Amino acid sequence: MGEAFLLAICIVFIIEGLMPLLIPDKWKQFLMQMALQPSESLRRIGGVMVVIGVVSAYFLINRI
């Protein structure tokens, strides 16, 4: 279980690093736009992402 968690963290680092590596100027514009969004909108987006991640992980774990 610990190895799977570490692998998941490594995958997050890879995915998060792709945007600044490949298209740094657009990535900066995106971050500036995100900074201008209301906190409630960001909270809603974060909540949706967490729910999608939890549901996806649940189905993947139970499939194995």
C-alpha atoms as a PDB file:
ATOM      1  CA  MET A   1       0.000   0.000   0.000  1.00  0.00           C
ATOM      2  CA  GLY A   2       2.847   2.396   0.784  1.00  0.00           C
ATOM      3  CA  GLU A   3       4.483   1.793  -2.581  1.00  0.00           C
ATOM      4  CA  ALA A   4       1.204   2.514  -4.378  1.00  0.00           C
ATOM      5  CA  PHE A   5       0.877   5.806  -2.502  1.00  0.00           C
ATOM      6  CA  LEU A   6       4.418   6.837  -3.397  1.00  0.00           C
ATOM      7  CA  LEU A   7       3.803   5.900  -7.027  1.00  0.00           C
ATOM      8  CA  ALA A   8       0.658   8.049  -7.013  1.00  0.00           C
ATOM      9  CA  ILE A   9       2.639  11.003  -5.628  1.00  0.00           C
ATOM     10  CA  CYS A  10       5.277  10.508  -8.341  1.00  0.00           C
ATOM     11  CA  ILE A  11       2.582  10.528 -11.028  1.00  0.00           C
ATOM     12  CA  VAL A  12       1.157  13.756  -9.584  1.00  0.00           C
ATOM     13  CA  PHE A  13       4.613  15.365  -9.807  1.00  0.00           C
ATOM     14  CA  ILE A  14       4.975  14.240 -13.423  1.00  0.00           C
ATOM     15  CA  ILE A  15       1.558  15.562 -14.440  1.00  0.00           C
ATOM     16  CA  GLU A  16       1.975  18.826 -12.533  1.00  0.00           C
ATOM     17  CA  GLY A  17       5.391  19.397 -14.081  1.00  0.00           C
ATOM     18  CA  LEU A  18       4.302  18.902 -17.687  1.00  0.00           C
ATOM     19  CA  MET A  19       2.601  22.280 -18.121  1.00  0.00           C
ATOM     20  CA  PRO A  20       5.476  24.499 -16.932  1.00  0.00           C
ATOM     21  CA  LEU A  21       7.931  22.310 -18.858  1.00  0.00           C
ATOM     22  CA  LEU A  22       6.095  22.296 -22.191  1.00  0.00           C
ATOM     23  CA  ILE A  23       4.188  25.601 -22.285  1.00  0.00           C
ATOM     24  CA  PRO A  24       5.503  27.887 -19.524  1.00  0.00           C
ATOM     25  CA  ASP A  25       4.004  31.132 -20.874  1.00  0.00           C
ATOM     26  CA  LYS A  26       0.472  29.730 -21.143  1.00  0.00           C
ATOM     27  CA  TRP A  27       0.910  28.107 -17.735  1.00  0.00           C
ATOM     28  CA  LYS A  28       1.754  31.499 -16.188  1.00  0.00           C
ATOM     29  CA  GLN A  29      -1.315  33.052 -17.846  1.00  0.00           C
ATOM     30  CA  PHE A  30      -3.461  30.239 -16.484  1.00  0.00           C
ATOM     31  CA  LEU A  31      -2.123  30.763 -12.952  1.00  0.00           C
ATOM     32  CA  MET A  32      -2.786  34.501 -13.167  1.00  0.00           C
ATOM     33  CA  GLN A  33      -6.359  33.834 -14.290  1.00  0.00           C
ATOM     34  CA  MET A  34      -6.842  31.359 -11.442  1.00  0.00           C
ATOM     35  CA  ALA A  35      -5.577  33.938  -8.939  1.00  0.00           C
ATOM     36  CA  LEU A  36      -8.307  36.335 -10.086  1.00  0.00           C
ATOM     37  CA  GLN A  37     -11.123  33.820  -9.544  1.00  0.00           C
ATOM     38  CA  PRO A  38     -13.330  34.117  -6.458  1.00  0.00           C
ATOM     39  CA  SER A  39     -12.440  31.744  -3.630  1.00  0.00           C
ATOM     40  CA  GLU A  40     -15.850  30.068  -3.820  1.00  0.00           C
ATOM     41  CA  SER A  41     -15.302  29.140  -7.473  1.00  0.00           C
ATOM     42  CA  LEU A  42     -11.897  27.663  -6.677  1.00  0.00           C
ATOM     43  CA  ARG A  43     -13.349  25.758  -3.727  1.00  0.00           C
ATOM     44  CA  ARG A  44     -16.104  24.342  -5.956  1.00  0.00           C
ATOM     45  CA  ILE A  45     -13.587  23.275  -8.621  1.00  0.00           C
ATOM     46  CA  GLY A  46     -11.390  21.669  -5.960  1.00  0.00           C
ATOM     47  CA  GLY A  47     -14.357  19.820  -4.482  1.00  0.00           C
ATOM     48  CA  VAL A  48     -15.378  18.433  -7.858  1.00  0.00           C
ATOM     49  CA  MET A  49     -11.812  17.291  -8.517  1.00  0.00           C
ATOM     50  CA  VAL A  50     -11.622  15.537  -5.131  1.00  0.00           C
ATOM     51  CA  VAL A  51     -14.945  13.756  -5.709  1.00  0.00           C
ATOM     52  CA  ILE A  52     -13.871  12.620  -9.187  1.00  0.00           C
ATOM     53  CA  GLY A  53     -10.565  11.362  -7.762  1.00  0.00           C
ATOM     54  CA  VAL A  54     -12.183   9.480  -4.879  1.00  0.00           C
ATOM     55  CA  VAL A  55     -14.838   7.858  -7.080  1.00  0.00           C
ATOM     56  CA  SER A  56     -12.242   6.907  -9.709  1.00  0.00           C
ATOM     57  CA  ALA A  57      -9.913   5.448  -7.074  1.00  0.00           C
ATOM     58  CA  TYR A  58     -12.801   3.494  -5.538  1.00  0.00           C
ATOM     59  CA  PHE A  59     -13.684   1.891  -8.865  1.00  0.00           C
ATOM     60  CA  LEU A  60     -10.044   1.139  -9.688  1.00  0.00           C
ATOM     61  CA  ILE A  61      -9.377  -0.447  -6.298  1.00  0.00           C
ATOM     62  CA  ASN A  62     -12.529  -2.579  -6.378  1.00  0.00           C
ATOM     63  CA  ARG A  63     -11.813  -3.694  -9.940  1.00  0.00           C
ATOM     64  CA  ILE A  64      -8.505  -5.268  -8.931  1.00  0.00           C
END
